[in-house]
C-alpha atoms as a PDB file:
ATOM      1  CA  MET A   1       0.000   0.000   0.000  1.00  0.00           C
ATOM      2  CA  THR A   2       1.499   3.329  -0.956  1.00  0.00           C
ATOM      3  CA  GLU A   3       0.597   6.553   0.706  1.00  0.00           C
ATOM      4  CA  ALA A   4      -0.243   9.745  -1.111  1.00  0.00           C
ATOM      5  CA  PRO A   5       2.398  12.464  -0.777  1.00  0.00           C
ATOM      6  CA  SER A   6      -0.209  14.952   0.473  1.00  0.00           C
ATOM      7  CA  GLN A   7      -1.018  12.952   3.625  1.00  0.00           C
ATOM      8  CA  GLN A   8       0.094  14.574   6.849  1.00  0.00           C
ATOM      9  CA  TRP A   9       0.913  12.405   9.841  1.00  0.00           C
ATOM     10  CA  GLU A  10       0.779  13.914  13.314  1.00  0.00           C
ATOM     11  CA  LEU A  11       2.530  10.973  14.977  1.00  0.00           C
ATOM     12  CA  GLU A  12       5.220   8.814  13.487  1.00  0.00           C
ATOM     13  CA  ALA A  13       6.899   6.304  15.776  1.00  0.00           C
ATOM     14  CA  ARG A  14       9.370   3.483  15.240  1.00  0.00           C
ATOM     15  CA  PRO A  15      11.277   1.184  17.585  1.00  0.00           C
ATOM     16  CA  ARG A  16      14.490   2.648  18.911  1.00  0.00           C
ATOM     17  CA  LYS A  17      16.400   0.165  21.055  1.00  0.00           C
ATOM     18  CA  SER A  18      15.647  -2.979  19.052  1.00  0.00           C
ATOM     19  CA  ALA A  19      16.507  -1.172  15.806  1.00  0.00           C
ATOM     20  CA  LYS A  20      19.944  -0.238  17.162  1.00  0.00           C
ATOM     21  CA  TYR A  21      20.559  -3.810  18.266  1.00  0.00           C
ATOM     22  CA  ALA A  22      19.374  -5.140  14.894  1.00  0.00           C
ATOM     23  CA  VAL A  23      21.827  -2.939  12.987  1.00  0.00           C
ATOM     24  CA  GLY A  24      24.672  -4.059  15.268  1.00  0.00           C
ATOM     25  CA  VAL A  25      23.809  -7.744  14.953  1.00  0.00           C
ATOM     26  CA  ALA A  26      23.439  -7.433  11.163  1.00  0.00           C
ATOM     27  CA  ALA A  27      26.866  -5.792  10.893  1.00  0.00           C
ATOM     28  CA  LEU A  28      28.376  -8.502  13.100  1.00  0.00           C
ATOM     29  CA  LEU A  29      26.832 -11.250  10.958  1.00  0.00           C
ATOM     30  CA  VAL A  30      28.276  -9.761   7.775  1.00  0.00           C
ATOM     31  CA  ILE A  31      31.717  -9.278   9.343  1.00  0.00           C
ATOM     32  CA  VAL A  32      31.880 -12.788  10.820  1.00  0.00           C
ATOM     33  CA  HIS A  33      30.646 -14.542   7.675  1.00  0.00           C
ATOM     34  CA  THR A  34      32.923 -12.495   5.431  1.00  0.00           C
ATOM     35  CA  THR A  35      35.901 -13.312   7.644  1.00  0.00           C
ATOM     36  CA  LEU A  36      35.005 -16.992   7.687  1.00  0.00           C
ATOM     37  CA  GLY A  37      34.490 -16.952   3.938  1.00  0.00           C
ATOM     38  CA  ILE A  38      37.920 -15.431   3.369  1.00  0.00           C
ATOM     39  CA  LEU A  39      39.638 -17.819   5.795  1.00  0.00           C
ATOM     40  CA  LEU A  40      37.809 -20.884   4.456  1.00  0.00           C
ATOM     41  CA  ARG A  41      40.563 -21.867   2.016  1.00  0.00           C
ATOM     42  CA  THR A  42      43.620 -20.851   4.045  1.00  0.00           C
ATOM     43  CA  GLY A  43      44.075 -23.961   6.196  1.00  0.00           C
ATOM     44  CA  ASN A  44      44.422 -27.653   5.364  1.00  0.00           C
ATOM     45  CA  THR A  45      41.442 -29.319   7.012  1.00  0.00           C
ATOM     46  CA  GLY A  46      41.123 -32.307   4.711  1.00  0.00           C
ATOM     47  CA  VAL A  47      38.168 -30.726   2.947  1.00  0.00           C
ATOM     48  CA  PHE A  48      38.722 -28.864  -0.296  1.00  0.00           C
ATOM     49  CA  PHE A  49      36.736 -25.633  -0.302  1.00  0.00           C
ATOM     50  CA  GLN A  50      36.283 -23.828  -3.591  1.00  0.00           C
ATOM     51  CA  ARG A  51      35.829 -20.136  -4.291  1.00  0.00           C
ATOM     52  CA  VAL A  52      32.078 -20.702  -4.656  1.00  0.00           C
ATOM     53  CA  ASP A  53      32.023 -21.960  -1.043  1.00  0.00           C
ATOM     54  CA  GLN A  54      33.629 -18.703   0.063  1.00  0.00           C
ATOM     55  CA  PHE A  55      31.020 -16.657  -1.784  1.00  0.00           C
ATOM     56  CA  ALA A  56      28.244 -18.839  -0.362  1.00  0.00           C
ATOM     57  CA  MET A  57      29.482 -18.233   3.191  1.00  0.00           C
ATOM     58  CA  ILE A  58      29.460 -14.472   2.612  1.00  0.00           C
ATOM     59  CA  ALA A  59      26.021 -14.653   0.955  1.00  0.00           C
ATOM     60  CA  ILE A  60      24.632 -16.597   3.925  1.00  0.00           C
ATOM     61  CA  GLY A  61      25.867 -13.865   6.269  1.00  0.00           C
ATOM     62  CA  CYS A  62      24.322 -11.157   4.097  1.00  0.00           C
ATOM     63  CA  GLY A  63      21.018 -13.040   3.933  1.00  0.00           C
ATOM     64  CA  MET A  64      20.909 -13.476   7.692  1.00  0.00           C
ATOM     65  CA  ALA A  65      21.737  -9.781   8.151  1.00  0.00           C
ATOM     66  CA  ALA A  66      18.893  -8.818   5.811  1.00  0.00           C
ATOM     67  CA  GLY A  67      16.518 -10.916   7.893  1.00  0.00           C
ATOM     68  CA  VAL A  68      17.664  -9.253  11.110  1.00  0.00           C
ATOM     69  CA  LEU A  69      17.286  -5.813   9.516  1.00  0.00           C
ATOM     70  CA  LEU A  70      13.564  -6.484   9.128  1.00  0.00           C
ATOM     71  CA  LEU A  71      13.381  -5.517  12.804  1.00  0.00           C
ATOM     72  CA  THR A  72      14.161  -1.912  11.815  1.00  0.00           C
ATOM     73  CA  ARG A  73      11.112  -1.732   9.536  1.00  0.00           C
ATOM     74  CA  PRO A  74       8.127  -1.294  11.946  1.00  0.00           C
ATOM     75  CA  ARG A  75       6.414   2.116  11.954  1.00  0.00           C
ATOM     76  CA  ILE A  76       3.142   3.616  13.077  1.00  0.00           C
ATOM     77  CA  LYS A  77       1.768   6.783  11.547  1.00  0.00           C
ATOM     78  CA  VAL A  78      -1.300   8.503  12.913  1.00  0.00           C
ATOM     79  CA  GLY A  79      -3.264  11.303  11.268  1.00  0.00           C
ATOM     80  CA  ALA A  80      -6.716  12.440  10.224  1.00  0.00           C
ATOM     81  CA  GLN A  81      -7.029   9.625   7.671  1.00  0.00           C
ATOM     82  CA  GLY A  82      -6.446   6.893  10.267  1.00  0.00           C
ATOM     83  CA  VAL A  83      -3.688   4.726  11.693  1.00  0.00           C
ATOM     84  CA  LEU A  84      -1.068   3.265   9.366  1.00  0.00           C
ATOM     85  CA  VAL A  85       0.679   0.292  10.996  1.00  0.00           C
ATOM     86  CA  ARG A  86       3.727  -1.262   9.331  1.00  0.00           C
ATOM     87  CA  ASN A  87       5.220  -4.321  10.994  1.00  0.00           C
ATOM     88  CA  LEU A  88       7.934  -6.646   9.657  1.00  0.00           C
ATOM     89  CA  VAL A  89       6.406  -7.354   6.249  1.00  0.00           C
ATOM     90  CA  THR A  90       2.832  -6.022   6.305  1.00  0.00           C
ATOM     91  CA  GLU A  91       1.337  -2.542   6.234  1.00  0.00           C
ATOM     92  CA  LYS A  92      -2.268  -1.730   7.089  1.00  0.00           C
ATOM     93  CA  LEU A  93      -4.248   1.508   7.139  1.00  0.00           C
ATOM     94  CA  ILE A  94      -6.942   1.384   9.817  1.00  0.00           C
ATOM     95  CA  PRO A  95      -9.689   4.012   9.540  1.00  0.00           C
ATOM     96  CA  TRP A  96     -10.689   5.789  12.748  1.00  0.00           C
ATOM     97  CA  ASP A  97     -14.158   4.255  12.825  1.00  0.00           C
ATOM     98  CA  LEU A  98     -12.552   0.838  13.469  1.00  0.00           C
ATOM     99  CA  VAL A  99     -10.072   1.956  16.155  1.00  0.00           C
ATOM    100  CA  ARG A 100     -11.126   1.079  19.714  1.00  0.00           C
ATOM    101  CA  GLY A 101      -7.924   2.142  21.435  1.00  0.00           C
ATOM    102  CA  LEU A 102      -4.259   1.340  21.955  1.00  0.00           C
ATOM    103  CA  SER A 103      -3.198  -1.082  24.674  1.00  0.00           C
ATOM    104  CA  PHE A 104      -0.302  -3.020  26.124  1.00  0.00           C
ATOM    105  CA  SER A 105      -1.294  -6.501  27.229  1.00  0.00           C
ATOM    106  CA  PRO A 106       0.377  -7.601  30.480  1.00  0.00           C
ATOM    107  CA  GLY A 107       3.858  -8.900  29.694  1.00  0.00           C
ATOM    108  CA  SER A 108       3.711  -7.996  26.006  1.00  0.00           C
ATOM    109  CA  SER A 109       6.684  -6.569  24.165  1.00  0.00           C
ATOM    110  CA  TRP A 110       4.735  -4.143  22.006  1.00  0.00           C
ATOM    111  CA  ALA A 111       1.443  -2.288  21.836  1.00  0.00           C
ATOM    112  CA  ARG A 112      -1.608  -3.193  19.827  1.00  0.00           C
ATOM    113  CA  VAL A 113      -4.439  -1.270  18.203  1.00  0.00           C
ATOM    114  CA  GLU A 114      -7.731  -2.605  19.449  1.00  0.00           C
ATOM    115  CA  LEU A 115     -10.415  -3.277  16.817  1.00  0.00           C
ATOM    116  CA  PRO A 116     -14.086  -4.343  17.060  1.00  0.00           C
ATOM    117  CA  ASP A 117     -14.992  -7.939  17.941  1.00  0.00           C
ATOM    118  CA  ASP A 118     -11.934  -8.518  20.146  1.00  0.00           C
ATOM    119  CA  GLU A 119      -9.564  -8.238  17.185  1.00  0.00           C
ATOM    120  CA  TYR A 120      -6.334  -6.272  17.210  1.00  0.00           C
ATOM    121  CA  VAL A 121      -3.345  -5.287  15.103  1.00  0.00           C
ATOM    122  CA  PRO A 122       0.083  -5.589  16.775  1.00  0.00           C
ATOM    123  CA  VAL A 123       2.132  -2.386  16.714  1.00  0.00           C
ATOM    124  CA  MET A 124       5.792  -3.398  16.794  1.00  0.00           C
ATOM    125  CA  ALA A 125       6.772   0.272  16.476  1.00  0.00           C
ATOM    126  CA  ILE A 126       5.805   0.999  20.097  1.00  0.00           C
ATOM    127  CA  GLN A 127       7.883  -1.393  22.197  1.00  0.00           C
ATOM    128  CA  SER A 128       7.991  -1.673  25.960  1.00  0.00           C
ATOM    129  CA  ASN A 129      11.809  -1.713  26.024  1.00  0.00           C
ATOM    130  CA  ASP A 130      11.825   1.860  24.647  1.00  0.00           C
ATOM    131  CA  ARG A 131      10.336   2.983  27.965  1.00  0.00           C
ATOM    132  CA  GLU A 132       9.670   6.767  27.983  1.00  0.00           C
ATOM    133  CA  TYR A 133       9.583   6.943  24.185  1.00  0.00           C
ATOM    134  CA  ALA A 134       6.883   4.258  24.163  1.00  0.00           C
ATOM    135  CA  VAL A 135       4.914   6.074  26.875  1.00  0.00           C
ATOM    136  CA  HIS A 136       5.107   9.329  24.905  1.00  0.00           C
ATOM    137  CA  ALA A 137       4.030   7.600  21.666  1.00  0.00           C
ATOM    138  CA  ALA A 138       1.088   5.893  23.419  1.00  0.00           C
ATOM    139  CA  ARG A 139      -0.062   9.152  25.025  1.00  0.00           C
ATOM    140  CA  THR A 140       0.199  11.001  21.725  1.00  0.00           C
ATOM    141  CA  PHE A 141      -1.747   8.219  20.003  1.00  0.00           C
ATOM    142  CA  ARG A 142      -4.499   8.433  22.603  1.00  0.00           C
ATOM    143  CA  SER A 143      -4.793  12.212  22.303  1.00  0.00           C
ATOM    144  CA  LEU A 144      -5.040  11.899  18.511  1.00  0.00           C
ATOM    145  CA  GLU A 145      -7.595   9.136  18.948  1.00  0.00           C
ATOM    146  CA  GLN A 146      -9.760  11.463  21.046  1.00  0.00           C
ATOM    147  CA  LYS A 147      -9.397  14.135  18.388  1.00  0.00           C
ATOM    148  CA  TYR A 148     -10.208  11.994  15.325  1.00  0.00           C
ATOM    149  CA  ALA A 149     -12.222   8.991  16.529  1.00  0.00           C
ATOM    150  CA  ALA A 150     -14.873  11.254  18.021  1.00  0.00           C
ATOM    151  CA  ALA A 151     -15.182  13.078  14.681  1.00  0.00           C
ATOM    152  CA  SER A 152     -15.838   9.881  12.694  1.00  0.00           C
END
């Protein structure tokens, strides 16, 4: 789903701490697999590694890093048109008439947008380990919900 350039979002939040860790882990994976790939043919282990094995080792590290970097993707955008939630691979625009609130279930790692009929959409962009940032994002969401949900 692509958004129109004219849309204005009053809240845009994304995970902070987990995104930093994900970038670090992704960099470490690439470094380790590249190093192993380079060193694969230097010693005599009884197994004959070819150049393609070296490239495969590096490619595996890059693929794993790309998977870890998916953790930097979550976003939530809130505005007059509704709530746009992007998690690891999905993006969903929720109109205000369907929003029933934002909550943190006990022990959960991230928030969720409550929908009718006991349904919900997880919001990986607002994570409990971000502490004050998460509290600020949740409070801002709730104030915008009062502003827009009452109008719809």
